[in-house]
Amino acid sequence: MAFPGGFQANGSELLEDTARRETLEETGLDLRTLGRLRGALDDVSPRTPFLPPLVVRPHLFTVAAGSPLRAGDEADAALWIPVGELFDPTRQTLFSVPLPDGVRQFPAIAVGEHLVWGLTERILRQVADLAGL
């Protein structure tokens, strides 16, 4: 489970335009016409030295409830989940990951048979904080 994302197409593309382009490619949601940019969230990076170093700068947009989604070539599915529902205490769990230095546990959110964890979970925590959850 992840948000749409990717690299800037070139050095002159604004990061918010990268977010719009990747969202359109991966979910069919056109943030240029349907979204309102609220701003950039805090940068996030992997917390383990076993992953490549990278920095993700999430951008937060609001759209009308029920805006149409479709899975693009890079996604199996696209879905809406209310933020309040995501942070229901019954959905909070841990995800264990075997790493070369041992098993580490990460906060996770149960969504049906899937888990949201890692960078995606940390981005969602920022959204929850903004929403006062």
C-alpha atoms as a PDB file:
ATOM      1  CA  MET A   1       0.000   0.000   0.000  1.00  0.00           C
ATOM      2  CA  ALA A   2       1.540   3.277  -1.077  1.00  0.00           C
ATOM      3  CA  PHE A   3       0.853   6.746  -2.324  1.00  0.00           C
ATOM      4  CA  PRO A   4       1.537   7.721  -5.919  1.00  0.00           C
ATOM      5  CA  GLY A   5       5.083   8.922  -6.280  1.00  0.00           C
ATOM      6  CA  GLY A   6       8.129   9.189  -8.439  1.00  0.00           C
ATOM      7  CA  PHE A   7      11.024  11.325  -9.495  1.00  0.00           C
ATOM      8  CA  GLN A   8      10.950  14.787 -11.013  1.00  0.00           C
ATOM      9  CA  ALA A   9      10.792  14.524 -14.806  1.00  0.00           C
ATOM     10  CA  ASN A  10      13.561  17.097 -15.053  1.00  0.00           C
ATOM     11  CA  GLY A  11      15.306  19.632 -12.859  1.00  0.00           C
ATOM     12  CA  SER A  12      12.854  22.383 -13.771  1.00  0.00           C
ATOM     13  CA  GLU A  13       9.650  20.523 -12.833  1.00  0.00           C
ATOM     14  CA  LEU A  14       8.179  21.768  -9.556  1.00  0.00           C
ATOM     15  CA  LEU A  15       7.781  19.029  -6.960  1.00  0.00           C
ATOM     16  CA  GLU A  16       4.055  19.803  -6.679  1.00  0.00           C
ATOM     17  CA  ASP A  17       3.790  19.229 -10.436  1.00  0.00           C
ATOM     18  CA  THR A  18       5.617  15.923  -9.995  1.00  0.00           C
ATOM     19  CA  ALA A  19       2.985  14.962  -7.414  1.00  0.00           C
ATOM     20  CA  ARG A  20       0.181  15.937  -9.805  1.00  0.00           C
ATOM     21  CA  ARG A  21       1.730  14.004 -12.723  1.00  0.00           C
ATOM     22  CA  GLU A  22       2.419  10.847 -10.704  1.00  0.00           C
ATOM     23  CA  THR A  23      -1.071  10.896  -9.177  1.00  0.00           C
ATOM     24  CA  LEU A  24      -2.645  11.165 -12.623  1.00  0.00           C
ATOM     25  CA  GLU A  25      -0.467   8.344 -14.013  1.00  0.00           C
ATOM     26  CA  GLU A  26      -1.057   5.976 -11.096  1.00  0.00           C
ATOM     27  CA  THR A  27      -4.677   6.699 -10.111  1.00  0.00           C
ATOM     28  CA  GLY A  28      -6.301   8.648 -12.941  1.00  0.00           C
ATOM     29  CA  LEU A  29      -7.035  11.493 -10.501  1.00  0.00           C
ATOM     30  CA  ASP A  30      -6.306  14.832 -12.169  1.00  0.00           C
ATOM     31  CA  LEU A  31      -5.175  17.105  -9.346  1.00  0.00           C
ATOM     32  CA  ARG A  32      -4.779  20.034 -11.764  1.00  0.00           C
ATOM     33  CA  THR A  33      -8.553  20.241 -12.111  1.00  0.00           C
ATOM     34  CA  LEU A  34      -9.915  18.300  -9.118  1.00  0.00           C
ATOM     35  CA  GLY A  35      -7.374  19.040  -6.396  1.00  0.00           C
ATOM     36  CA  ARG A  36      -6.374  21.913  -4.199  1.00  0.00           C
ATOM     37  CA  LEU A  37      -2.759  22.010  -3.037  1.00  0.00           C
ATOM     38  CA  ARG A  38      -2.544  22.428   0.739  1.00  0.00           C
ATOM     39  CA  GLY A  39       1.248  22.315   0.921  1.00  0.00           C
ATOM     40  CA  ALA A  40       4.239  20.073   1.356  1.00  0.00           C
ATOM     41  CA  LEU A  41       4.540  17.796   4.365  1.00  0.00           C
ATOM     42  CA  ASP A  42       7.797  17.051   6.164  1.00  0.00           C
ATOM     43  CA  ASP A  43      10.389  15.085   4.214  1.00  0.00           C
ATOM     44  CA  VAL A  44      10.622  11.375   5.024  1.00  0.00           C
ATOM     45  CA  SER A  45      13.458   8.912   4.396  1.00  0.00           C
ATOM     46  CA  PRO A  46      13.951   5.206   5.079  1.00  0.00           C
ATOM     47  CA  ARG A  47      15.054   4.518   8.658  1.00  0.00           C
ATOM     48  CA  THR A  48      17.264   1.578   7.837  1.00  0.00           C
ATOM     49  CA  PRO A  49      20.737   1.614   6.274  1.00  0.00           C
ATOM     50  CA  PHE A  50      19.728  -1.444   4.231  1.00  0.00           C
ATOM     51  CA  LEU A  51      17.610   0.635   1.844  1.00  0.00           C
ATOM     52  CA  PRO A  52      18.926   3.128  -0.687  1.00  0.00           C
ATOM     53  CA  PRO A  53      19.170   6.671   0.660  1.00  0.00           C
ATOM     54  CA  LEU A  54      16.326   8.806  -0.654  1.00  0.00           C
ATOM     55  CA  VAL A  55      14.186  11.704   0.430  1.00  0.00           C
ATOM     56  CA  VAL A  56      10.449  11.830  -0.179  1.00  0.00           C
ATOM     57  CA  ARG A  57       8.717  15.204  -0.032  1.00  0.00           C
ATOM     58  CA  PRO A  58       4.977  14.475   0.160  1.00  0.00           C
ATOM     59  CA  HIS A  59       2.501  17.081  -1.066  1.00  0.00           C
ATOM     60  CA  LEU A  60      -0.974  17.251   0.395  1.00  0.00           C
ATOM     61  CA  PHE A  61      -3.966  17.971  -1.841  1.00  0.00           C
ATOM     62  CA  THR A  62      -7.645  17.983  -0.992  1.00  0.00           C
ATOM     63  CA  VAL A  63     -10.274  16.733  -3.424  1.00  0.00           C
ATOM     64  CA  ALA A  64     -14.016  16.268  -3.284  1.00  0.00           C
ATOM     65  CA  ALA A  65     -15.160  13.138  -1.484  1.00  0.00           C
ATOM     66  CA  GLY A  66     -15.611  10.238  -3.859  1.00  0.00           C
ATOM     67  CA  SER A  67     -13.494  11.697  -6.667  1.00  0.00           C
ATOM     68  CA  PRO A  68     -13.050   8.972  -9.290  1.00  0.00           C
ATOM     69  CA  LEU A  69      -9.983   6.716  -9.096  1.00  0.00           C
ATOM     70  CA  ARG A  70      -8.636   3.968 -11.326  1.00  0.00           C
ATOM     71  CA  ALA A  71      -5.504   1.884 -11.008  1.00  0.00           C
ATOM     72  CA  GLY A  72      -2.871   2.843 -13.563  1.00  0.00           C
ATOM     73  CA  ASP A  73      -0.110   0.639 -14.957  1.00  0.00           C
ATOM     74  CA  GLU A  74       1.946   0.923 -11.754  1.00  0.00           C
ATOM     75  CA  ALA A  75      -0.845  -0.007  -9.313  1.00  0.00           C
ATOM     76  CA  ASP A  76      -3.024  -3.041  -8.698  1.00  0.00           C
ATOM     77  CA  ALA A  77      -5.809  -0.955  -7.165  1.00  0.00           C
ATOM     78  CA  ALA A  78      -6.688   2.568  -6.137  1.00  0.00           C
ATOM     79  CA  LEU A  79      -8.978   3.288  -3.198  1.00  0.00           C
ATOM     80  CA  TRP A  80     -10.167   5.942  -0.771  1.00  0.00           C
ATOM     81  CA  ILE A  81      -9.924   5.368   2.974  1.00  0.00           C
ATOM     82  CA  PRO A  82     -11.117   8.076   5.389  1.00  0.00           C
ATOM     83  CA  VAL A  83      -8.221   9.294   7.567  1.00  0.00           C
ATOM     84  CA  GLY A  84     -10.307   8.932  10.724  1.00  0.00           C
ATOM     85  CA  GLU A  85     -10.995   5.313   9.836  1.00  0.00           C
ATOM     86  CA  LEU A  86      -7.304   4.628   9.250  1.00  0.00           C
ATOM     87  CA  PHE A  87      -6.416   5.765  12.747  1.00  0.00           C
ATOM     88  CA  ASP A  88      -9.091   3.788  14.534  1.00  0.00           C
ATOM     89  CA  PRO A  89      -7.134   2.130  17.376  1.00  0.00           C
ATOM     90  CA  THR A  90      -8.313  -1.310  16.275  1.00  0.00           C
ATOM     91  CA  ARG A  91      -6.400  -0.922  12.994  1.00  0.00           C
ATOM     92  CA  GLN A  92      -3.046  -0.141  14.635  1.00  0.00           C
ATOM     93  CA  THR A  93      -0.572  -3.005  14.626  1.00  0.00           C
ATOM     94  CA  LEU A  94       3.086  -3.847  14.009  1.00  0.00           C
ATOM     95  CA  PHE A  95       4.811  -5.248  10.946  1.00  0.00           C
ATOM     96  CA  SER A  96       7.933  -7.384  11.382  1.00  0.00           C
ATOM     97  CA  VAL A  97      10.671  -7.125   8.780  1.00  0.00           C
ATOM     98  CA  PRO A  98      13.671  -9.470   8.717  1.00  0.00           C
ATOM     99  CA  LEU A  99      16.812  -7.389   8.128  1.00  0.00           C
ATOM    100  CA  PRO A 100      20.476  -8.427   8.037  1.00  0.00           C
ATOM    101  CA  ASP A 101      20.923  -7.240  11.645  1.00  0.00           C
ATOM    102  CA  GLY A 102      17.771  -8.958  12.932  1.00  0.00           C
ATOM    103  CA  VAL A 103      14.014  -8.584  12.836  1.00  0.00           C
ATOM    104  CA  ARG A 104      12.666  -5.057  13.290  1.00  0.00           C
ATOM    105  CA  GLN A 105       9.103  -4.106  14.008  1.00  0.00           C
ATOM    106  CA  PHE A 106       7.477  -1.059  12.440  1.00  0.00           C
ATOM    107  CA  PRO A 107       4.153   0.638  13.195  1.00  0.00           C
ATOM    108  CA  ALA A 108       1.498  -0.439  10.717  1.00  0.00           C
ATOM    109  CA  ILE A 109      -2.159   0.077   9.893  1.00  0.00           C
ATOM    110  CA  ALA A 110      -4.382  -2.848   8.937  1.00  0.00           C
ATOM    111  CA  VAL A 111      -6.515  -2.134   5.872  1.00  0.00           C
ATOM    112  CA  GLY A 112      -8.500  -5.248   5.060  1.00  0.00           C
ATOM    113  CA  GLU A 113      -5.954  -7.942   4.275  1.00  0.00           C
ATOM    114  CA  HIS A 114      -3.224  -5.350   3.642  1.00  0.00           C
ATOM    115  CA  LEU A 115      -0.839  -3.416   5.869  1.00  0.00           C
ATOM    116  CA  VAL A 116       0.250   0.188   5.489  1.00  0.00           C
ATOM    117  CA  TRP A 117       3.711   0.647   6.967  1.00  0.00           C
ATOM    118  CA  GLY A 118       7.066   2.323   6.364  1.00  0.00           C
ATOM    119  CA  LEU A 119       7.195   5.645   4.542  1.00  0.00           C
ATOM    120  CA  THR A 120       3.483   5.495   3.684  1.00  0.00           C
ATOM    121  CA  GLU A 121       2.494   5.007   7.322  1.00  0.00           C
ATOM    122  CA  ARG A 122       4.788   7.861   8.400  1.00  0.00           C
ATOM    123  CA  ILE A 123       3.255  10.194   5.796  1.00  0.00           C
ATOM    124  CA  LEU A 124      -0.224   9.258   6.980  1.00  0.00           C
ATOM    125  CA  ARG A 125       0.785  10.078  10.562  1.00  0.00           C
ATOM    126  CA  GLN A 126       1.552  13.614   9.414  1.00  0.00           C
ATOM    127  CA  VAL A 127      -1.910  13.861   7.819  1.00  0.00           C
ATOM    128  CA  ALA A 128      -3.500  12.518  11.005  1.00  0.00           C
ATOM    129  CA  ASP A 129      -1.626  15.109  13.069  1.00  0.00           C
ATOM    130  CA  LEU A 130      -2.871  17.884  10.768  1.00  0.00           C
ATOM    131  CA  ALA A 131      -6.411  16.531  11.096  1.00  0.00           C
ATOM    132  CA  GLY A 132      -6.104  16.436  14.889  1.00  0.00           C
ATOM    133  CA  LEU A 133      -6.477  12.659  15.141  1.00  0.00           C
END
